[in-house]
Amino acid sequence: MPVKNRLAELLPEITEWRRDLHENPEILYDLPRTTSLVEEKLKAFGCDEVVPGVGRSGVIGVIKGKSDTKGRVIGLRADMDALPMDEKTGLPYASKTAGKMHACGHDGHTAMLLGAAKYLSETRNFDGTVVLIFQPAEEGGAGGKAMVDDGMMERWGIQEVYGMHNEPGLPVGEFGVSPGPIMAAADEIEITIRGRGGHAAQPHNVIDPVPAACATVMALQTVASRNTDPIKSVVVSICVMTTESAATNVIDDSVRLAGTVRTLDEDVRDMAEVRIIEIVNATAAAYGCTADIQYHRGYPVTVNHEENAEIAADVARAVAGDTRVRYGRPPRMGAEDFSYMLRARPGAFINVGNGDSAKVHHPEYNFNDEAIPYGCSFFAELVERRMPA
């Protein structure tokens, strides 16, 4: 079946919610206005339970079907937070708060799950329970982990969990989903290489940390080229190199390096951490320097469970048509904290097309409201297919 008629009818209303969220972005866990709007809508829809404050500032809504003969419970997740950046779209509903912008489409994700919630509350044409998960702090705050650690899965008996993200470049009305690893683990490294500074005209009297830092950056690329199975993936990117001095004739005492490590396999992730620490220390020593390194584990690999990815693909085909679902695409090296929920329960993460828009995390990005009926219909159809009345 195509987009559900009722959800197509609700498009103007859902669009209004989405643009209101876009105009009033909030970041990380500090989401008082956003969570109040979500709570207000869920209560107005007649949800059987609405619980704020899960995982600090997440919101849970519960909708029971017409019957519950098998005790089935499915979780549906949307992220709510914006990014700390300035918007440059010039839209009439552009962000009203300097330094905050919905540049990743979480306003659209929240609106689509609210739209599905309204439809499911009205129809209840399923046998079981739907748990609506409105999550804070996806953008670097691990809000998904916070909600899992707060006992969300156990408290509401969630058996399967599904999430959705918009994808610029994928046509509106199309979906993308794959089994297995689909997004990378994202770890961060901070390195300080210490030497002994002095005058740039007297390099023989100093221990210059700059050549050591440059050699370290190059040596770290061998983690990918010489330590990793060529069939597997790792990306080591040093994105920051700074000294305390801005003078052109001063050799500073130290150089700070910082960057990110992306992997799709836990064994490769473990190996990369060991080799990076070894390479940094050995390279610094070769130049007469010392090194301090802090290795921060971030979001784990996002892994779709094979059966659930196939289920999601079938649902997407029912909504969009057989030719408009891209199944089995290569993984990407971006990261997503829905990974924590997929570690806790079987499920899948799916992409919905955002059309020819600016990329996410760009100041000119905007969620495409034409995608709303497709995303809402996917959530609703998933519930009705997995828990038929």
Protein backbone atom coordinates (compact mmCIF):
# COMPACT_ATOMS: atom_id res chain seq x y z
CA MET A 1 0.00 0.00 0.00
CA PRO A 2 1.19 3.60 -0.58
CA VAL A 3 1.32 6.54 1.84
CA LYS A 4 -1.61 6.32 4.25
CA ASN A 5 -4.43 8.71 3.31
CA ARG A 6 -4.87 9.95 6.86
CA LEU A 7 -1.19 10.87 7.12
CA ALA A 8 -1.33 12.67 3.78
CA GLU A 9 -4.27 14.67 5.19
CA LEU A 10 -2.24 15.51 8.30
CA LEU A 11 0.72 16.87 6.30
CA PRO A 12 -0.12 20.59 6.80
CA GLU A 13 -0.48 20.10 10.55
CA ILE A 14 2.68 18.01 10.91
CA THR A 15 4.58 20.53 8.77
CA GLU A 16 3.49 23.26 11.16
CA TRP A 17 4.90 21.29 14.10
CA ARG A 18 8.15 20.67 12.22
CA ARG A 19 8.67 24.31 11.33
CA ASP A 20 7.92 25.41 14.88
CA LEU A 21 10.61 23.00 16.11
CA HIS A 22 12.99 24.28 13.44
CA GLU A 23 12.42 27.88 14.49
CA ASN A 24 13.13 27.07 18.14
CA PRO A 25 16.13 24.72 18.25
CA GLU A 26 17.60 23.39 21.47
CA ILE A 27 20.75 21.34 21.94
CA LEU A 28 21.94 18.23 23.77
CA TYR A 29 19.93 17.56 26.96
CA ASP A 30 18.68 21.13 27.41
CA LEU A 31 15.36 20.76 25.56
CA PRO A 32 12.62 22.28 27.74
CA ARG A 33 10.54 23.77 24.92
CA THR A 34 10.94 20.77 22.63
CA THR A 35 10.04 18.20 25.25
CA SER A 36 7.07 20.30 26.41
CA LEU A 37 5.72 20.36 22.85
CA VAL A 38 6.20 16.59 22.51
CA GLU A 39 4.50 15.89 25.84
CA GLU A 40 1.63 18.22 25.01
CA LYS A 41 1.01 16.56 21.64
CA LEU A 42 1.21 13.00 22.97
CA LYS A 43 -1.27 13.77 25.73
CA ALA A 44 -3.62 15.50 23.28
CA PHE A 45 -3.48 12.44 21.00
CA GLY A 46 -4.66 10.28 23.88
CA CYS A 47 -1.53 8.21 24.45
CA ASP A 48 -1.99 5.72 27.27
CA GLU A 49 1.16 6.87 29.03
CA VAL A 50 3.47 9.88 28.66
CA VAL A 51 6.66 9.90 30.72
CA PRO A 52 9.24 12.72 30.60
CA GLY A 53 12.73 12.72 32.07
CA VAL A 54 13.90 9.34 30.75
CA GLY A 55 17.64 9.48 30.14
CA ARG A 56 17.66 12.97 31.68
CA SER A 57 15.37 14.68 29.17
CA GLY A 58 13.93 12.02 26.88
CA VAL A 59 10.18 11.51 26.54
CA ILE A 60 8.36 8.17 26.29
CA GLY A 61 4.84 7.78 24.90
CA VAL A 62 2.91 4.52 25.03
CA ILE A 63 0.04 3.54 22.72
CA LYS A 64 -1.84 0.28 23.25
CA GLY A 65 -3.51 -1.47 20.34
CA LYS A 66 -7.12 -2.66 20.09
CA SER A 67 -5.92 -5.95 21.55
CA ASP A 68 -2.86 -7.44 23.20
CA THR A 69 -3.02 -11.20 22.78
CA LYS A 70 0.69 -11.86 22.28
CA GLY A 71 2.38 -9.24 24.47
CA ARG A 72 4.31 -7.72 21.57
CA VAL A 73 6.09 -4.37 22.17
CA ILE A 74 7.85 -2.32 19.49
CA GLY A 75 9.88 0.85 20.08
CA LEU A 76 10.05 3.69 17.56
CA ARG A 77 12.72 6.35 18.05
CA ALA A 78 13.20 9.97 16.97
CA ASP A 79 15.99 12.32 18.06
CA MET A 80 15.08 15.85 19.14
CA ASP A 81 18.26 17.95 19.51
CA ALA A 82 19.76 20.56 17.20
CA LEU A 83 23.38 21.55 16.52
CA PRO A 84 25.48 24.41 17.96
CA MET A 85 25.85 26.36 14.70
CA ASP A 86 24.37 29.37 12.90
CA GLU A 87 21.71 28.95 10.23
CA LYS A 88 22.09 30.53 6.78
CA THR A 89 18.93 29.39 4.99
CA GLY A 90 17.04 32.70 5.02
CA LEU A 91 13.80 30.78 5.54
CA PRO A 92 10.83 32.51 7.17
CA TYR A 93 10.96 29.85 9.90
CA ALA A 94 14.74 29.91 10.32
CA SER A 95 16.24 29.55 13.78
CA LYS A 96 15.47 32.44 16.09
CA THR A 97 18.41 31.55 18.36
CA ALA A 98 21.94 32.49 17.36
CA GLY A 99 24.35 29.57 17.51
CA LYS A 100 21.65 26.90 17.38
CA MET A 101 20.21 25.24 14.27
CA HIS A 102 18.33 22.10 13.25
CA ALA A 103 20.98 21.27 10.66
CA CYS A 104 20.53 17.48 10.79
CA GLY A 105 16.76 17.17 10.44
CA HIS A 106 15.92 16.08 13.96
CA ASP A 107 13.00 18.52 13.80
CA GLY A 108 11.68 16.41 10.92
CA HIS A 109 12.33 13.14 12.74
CA THR A 110 10.42 14.36 15.80
CA ALA A 111 7.54 15.66 13.67
CA MET A 112 7.27 12.40 11.72
CA LEU A 113 7.11 10.29 14.89
CA LEU A 114 4.50 12.67 16.31
CA GLY A 115 2.48 12.28 13.11
CA ALA A 116 2.68 8.49 13.37
CA ALA A 117 1.70 8.77 17.04
CA LYS A 118 -1.44 10.73 16.17
CA TYR A 119 -2.45 8.21 13.52
CA LEU A 120 -1.78 5.18 15.75
CA SER A 121 -3.65 6.76 18.66
CA GLU A 122 -6.66 7.31 16.41
CA THR A 123 -6.72 3.90 14.72
CA ARG A 124 -5.08 1.49 17.21
CA ASN A 125 -5.34 -1.12 14.46
CA PHE A 126 -2.69 -3.41 15.94
CA ASP A 127 -2.28 -6.16 18.54
CA GLY A 128 0.30 -5.10 21.10
CA THR A 129 2.00 -1.95 22.37
CA VAL A 130 3.98 0.83 20.70
CA VAL A 131 6.59 2.71 22.71
CA LEU A 132 7.45 6.11 21.23
CA ILE A 133 11.02 7.15 22.07
CA PHE A 134 11.83 10.86 21.79
CA GLN A 135 15.56 11.03 22.46
CA PRO A 136 17.79 13.95 23.51
CA ALA A 137 21.46 14.57 22.79
CA GLU A 138 22.18 12.51 19.69
CA GLU A 139 24.65 15.16 18.52
CA GLY A 140 27.57 14.15 20.69
CA GLY A 141 25.83 13.67 24.02
CA ALA A 142 25.00 9.94 23.78
CA GLY A 143 21.35 10.47 24.64
CA GLY A 144 20.57 7.01 23.24
CA LYS A 145 22.92 5.46 25.77
CA ALA A 146 21.43 7.58 28.55
CA MET A 147 17.93 6.28 27.81
CA VAL A 148 19.11 2.66 27.61
CA ASP A 149 21.09 3.05 30.83
CA ASP A 150 17.97 4.50 32.48
CA GLY A 151 16.27 1.14 31.99
CA MET A 152 13.99 2.15 29.12
CA MET A 153 14.03 -1.24 27.40
CA GLU A 154 13.23 -3.19 30.55
CA ARG A 155 10.73 -0.72 32.01
CA TRP A 156 8.51 -0.78 28.93
CA GLY A 157 9.35 -4.31 27.78
CA ILE A 158 10.59 -3.22 24.36
CA GLN A 159 11.32 -6.24 22.15
CA GLU A 160 12.32 -4.56 18.88
CA VAL A 161 13.41 -1.00 18.12
CA TYR A 162 13.46 1.02 14.90
CA GLY A 163 14.81 4.46 14.02
CA MET A 164 14.85 6.68 10.93
CA HIS A 165 17.07 9.43 9.53
CA ASN A 166 16.60 11.67 6.53
CA GLU A 167 19.14 11.45 3.73
CA PRO A 168 19.96 14.39 1.43
CA GLY A 169 20.59 13.18 -2.11
CA LEU A 170 18.15 10.29 -1.79
CA PRO A 171 14.97 11.26 -3.69
CA VAL A 172 11.86 12.06 -1.67
CA GLY A 173 9.68 8.97 -1.54
CA GLU A 174 12.64 6.57 -1.49
CA PHE A 175 14.15 4.62 1.39
CA GLY A 176 17.56 3.06 2.04
CA VAL A 177 18.29 0.22 4.45
CA SER A 178 20.98 -2.45 4.83
CA PRO A 179 21.70 -5.35 7.17
CA GLY A 180 24.85 -5.49 9.26
CA PRO A 181 27.19 -2.59 10.03
CA ILE A 182 25.78 0.58 8.48
CA MET A 183 27.56 3.39 10.35
CA ALA A 184 30.94 3.61 12.05
CA ALA A 185 32.17 3.76 15.58
CA ALA A 186 33.50 7.25 16.27
CA ASP A 187 36.38 7.65 18.70
CA GLU A 188 38.39 10.79 19.44
CA ILE A 189 42.11 11.24 20.08
CA GLU A 190 43.93 14.11 21.76
CA ILE A 191 47.73 14.12 21.55
CA THR A 192 50.28 16.50 23.05
CA ILE A 193 53.84 16.15 21.78
CA ARG A 194 56.32 17.86 24.11
CA GLY A 195 59.81 19.04 23.30
CA ARG A 196 61.80 22.11 24.39
CA GLY A 197 61.11 25.44 22.73
CA GLY A 198 63.31 28.32 21.76
CA HIS A 199 64.27 30.73 18.99
CA ALA A 200 63.54 29.65 15.42
CA ALA A 201 67.02 30.82 14.38
CA GLN A 202 68.64 28.37 16.82
CA PRO A 203 67.00 24.97 16.14
CA HIS A 204 70.12 23.18 17.42
CA ASN A 205 69.37 24.50 20.90
CA VAL A 206 65.80 23.18 21.06
CA ILE A 207 63.89 19.90 20.79
CA ASP A 208 61.40 20.84 18.12
CA PRO A 209 57.99 19.13 18.57
CA VAL A 210 56.72 20.28 15.16
CA PRO A 211 58.64 17.76 13.01
CA ALA A 212 57.62 15.08 15.51
CA ALA A 213 54.00 16.13 15.18
CA CYS A 214 54.15 16.15 11.38
CA ALA A 215 55.78 12.72 11.33
CA THR A 216 53.14 11.44 13.74
CA VAL A 217 50.31 12.56 11.47
CA MET A 218 51.84 10.72 8.53
CA ALA A 219 52.75 7.62 10.54
CA LEU A 220 49.18 7.29 11.82
CA GLN A 221 48.00 6.71 8.25
CA THR A 222 49.79 3.34 8.32
CA VAL A 223 47.09 2.09 10.69
CA ALA A 224 44.83 1.95 7.62
CA SER A 225 47.43 1.07 4.98
CA ARG A 226 49.55 -1.48 6.87
CA ASN A 227 47.72 -2.67 10.02
CA THR A 228 44.17 -3.22 8.77
CA ASP A 229 42.80 -5.98 6.56
CA PRO A 230 42.28 -4.27 3.17
CA ILE A 231 38.72 -5.65 3.06
CA LYS A 232 37.89 -3.82 6.30
CA SER A 233 37.70 -0.09 7.01
CA VAL A 234 39.37 2.42 9.30
CA VAL A 235 39.76 6.17 8.94
CA VAL A 236 42.26 8.06 11.11
CA SER A 237 41.86 11.81 10.64
CA ILE A 238 43.97 14.39 12.48
CA CYS A 239 41.92 17.55 12.14
CA VAL A 240 43.65 19.89 14.61
CA MET A 241 47.31 20.92 14.95
CA THR A 242 48.05 23.88 17.23
CA THR A 243 50.76 25.46 19.35
CA GLU A 244 50.37 28.05 22.08
CA SER A 245 52.47 30.59 20.21
CA ALA A 246 51.34 32.38 17.05
CA ALA A 247 54.76 33.95 16.44
CA THR A 248 56.59 32.99 13.27
CA ASN A 249 60.01 32.99 14.95
CA VAL A 250 59.22 30.89 18.02
CA ILE A 251 59.56 27.11 18.34
CA ASP A 252 57.03 26.21 20.99
CA ASP A 253 57.44 23.66 23.75
CA SER A 254 54.55 21.49 22.53
CA VAL A 255 52.15 20.75 19.71
CA ARG A 256 48.55 19.63 20.23
CA LEU A 257 46.96 17.23 17.77
CA ALA A 258 43.33 16.10 17.79
CA GLY A 259 41.19 14.02 15.51
CA THR A 260 38.84 11.11 15.03
CA VAL A 261 39.08 7.37 14.41
CA ARG A 262 36.26 5.64 12.50
CA THR A 263 35.83 1.86 12.29
CA LEU A 264 33.13 -0.65 11.34
CA ASP A 265 34.42 -3.65 13.27
CA GLU A 266 35.09 -3.98 17.01
CA ASP A 267 38.29 -5.98 16.46
CA VAL A 268 39.61 -3.30 14.11
CA ARG A 269 38.55 -0.67 16.65
CA ASP A 270 40.57 -2.37 19.39
CA MET A 271 43.58 -2.81 17.11
CA ALA A 272 43.47 0.83 15.99
CA GLU A 273 43.57 2.09 19.57
CA VAL A 274 46.60 -0.06 20.43
CA ARG A 275 48.53 0.87 17.28
CA ILE A 276 47.76 4.59 17.53
CA ILE A 277 49.13 4.74 21.07
CA GLU A 278 52.23 2.77 20.04
CA ILE A 279 52.86 4.91 16.95
CA VAL A 280 52.44 8.22 18.79
CA ASN A 281 54.82 7.29 21.60
CA ALA A 282 57.44 5.74 19.30
CA THR A 283 57.41 8.58 16.78
CA ALA A 284 57.70 11.23 19.48
CA ALA A 285 60.62 9.35 21.03
CA ALA A 286 62.38 9.11 17.66
CA TYR A 287 62.48 12.93 17.58
CA GLY A 288 63.60 13.27 21.20
CA CYS A 289 60.13 14.26 22.37
CA THR A 290 57.53 12.78 24.70
CA ALA A 291 53.84 12.32 24.06
CA ASP A 292 50.64 12.35 26.08
CA ILE A 293 47.64 10.71 24.41
CA GLN A 294 44.03 10.54 25.47
CA TYR A 295 41.88 8.08 23.56
CA HIS A 296 38.13 8.60 24.01
CA ARG A 297 35.73 5.84 22.96
CA GLY A 298 32.64 7.36 21.37
CA TYR A 299 29.55 5.89 19.75
CA PRO A 300 29.90 2.20 18.81
CA VAL A 301 29.29 0.72 15.37
CA THR A 302 25.65 0.92 14.30
CA VAL A 303 24.66 -2.62 13.32
CA ASN A 304 21.28 -3.45 11.81
CA HIS A 305 20.02 -6.91 12.72
CA GLU A 306 19.59 -8.84 9.49
CA GLU A 307 16.01 -10.03 10.04
CA ASN A 308 14.86 -6.59 11.17
CA ALA A 309 16.56 -4.85 8.23
CA GLU A 310 14.62 -7.15 5.89
CA ILE A 311 11.42 -6.37 7.79
CA ALA A 312 12.10 -2.63 7.47
CA ALA A 313 12.80 -3.02 3.75
CA ASP A 314 9.51 -4.86 3.21
CA VAL A 315 7.61 -2.15 5.07
CA ALA A 316 9.36 0.55 3.02
CA ARG A 317 8.43 -1.25 -0.21
CA ALA A 318 4.81 -1.33 0.93
CA VAL A 319 4.90 2.45 1.43
CA ALA A 320 7.08 3.54 -1.50
CA GLY A 321 6.95 0.72 -4.03
CA ASP A 322 9.37 -2.09 -4.89
CA THR A 323 11.65 0.04 -7.06
CA ARG A 324 12.05 2.85 -4.54
CA VAL A 325 13.85 1.01 -1.75
CA ARG A 326 17.64 0.73 -1.92
CA TYR A 327 18.62 -2.38 -0.01
CA GLY A 328 22.13 -3.56 0.84
CA ARG A 329 24.02 -0.30 0.39
CA PRO A 330 27.65 0.07 1.55
CA PRO A 331 28.13 1.33 5.13
CA ARG A 332 29.09 4.92 5.87
CA MET A 333 31.73 6.28 8.20
CA GLY A 334 29.46 8.72 10.02
CA ALA A 335 28.27 7.76 13.52
CA GLU A 336 24.88 7.46 15.24
CA ASP A 337 23.97 6.82 18.86
CA PHE A 338 20.96 4.69 17.88
CA SER A 339 23.76 2.11 17.96
CA TYR A 340 23.26 1.80 21.72
CA MET A 341 19.61 0.88 21.27
CA LEU A 342 20.49 -1.69 18.60
CA ARG A 343 22.99 -3.21 21.03
CA ALA A 344 20.23 -3.53 23.60
CA ARG A 345 17.50 -4.91 21.33
CA PRO A 346 17.13 -6.25 17.77
CA GLY A 347 16.02 -3.65 15.26
CA ALA A 348 17.00 -1.53 12.30
CA PHE A 349 17.85 2.02 11.28
CA ILE A 350 16.46 3.23 7.95
CA ASN A 351 16.97 6.31 5.76
CA VAL A 352 14.18 8.32 4.15
CA GLY A 353 14.90 10.53 1.15
CA ASN A 354 15.27 14.27 1.69
CA GLY A 355 15.70 15.09 -1.99
CA ASP A 356 18.16 17.54 -3.49
CA SER A 357 18.96 19.49 -0.32
CA ALA A 358 22.13 20.74 1.32
CA LYS A 359 23.93 18.03 3.27
CA VAL A 360 23.29 17.57 6.98
CA HIS A 361 25.40 19.70 9.34
CA HIS A 362 25.53 22.44 6.70
CA PRO A 363 24.26 25.97 7.52
CA GLU A 364 21.94 25.90 4.49
CA TYR A 365 20.41 22.49 5.25
CA ASN A 366 16.63 22.19 5.64
CA PHE A 367 14.45 19.15 6.22
CA ASN A 368 12.13 18.51 3.25
CA ASP A 369 8.53 18.53 4.44
CA GLU A 370 7.49 16.45 1.41
CA ALA A 371 9.22 13.51 3.11
CA ILE A 372 6.87 13.65 6.12
CA PRO A 373 4.06 11.38 4.81
CA TYR A 374 6.58 8.72 3.82
CA GLY A 375 8.31 8.69 7.21
CA CYS A 376 5.04 8.71 9.14
CA SER A 377 3.59 5.96 6.95
CA PHE A 378 6.68 3.81 7.43
CA PHE A 379 6.35 3.96 11.22
CA ALA A 380 2.60 3.28 11.12
CA GLU A 381 2.84 0.47 8.57
CA LEU A 382 5.67 -1.15 10.53
CA VAL A 383 3.49 -1.33 13.63
CA GLU A 384 0.47 -2.68 11.78
CA ARG A 385 2.51 -5.31 9.92
CA ARG A 386 4.60 -6.50 12.86
CA MET A 387 1.61 -6.59 15.25
CA PRO A 388 -1.45 -7.27 13.05
CA ALA A 389 -4.79 -6.83 14.78
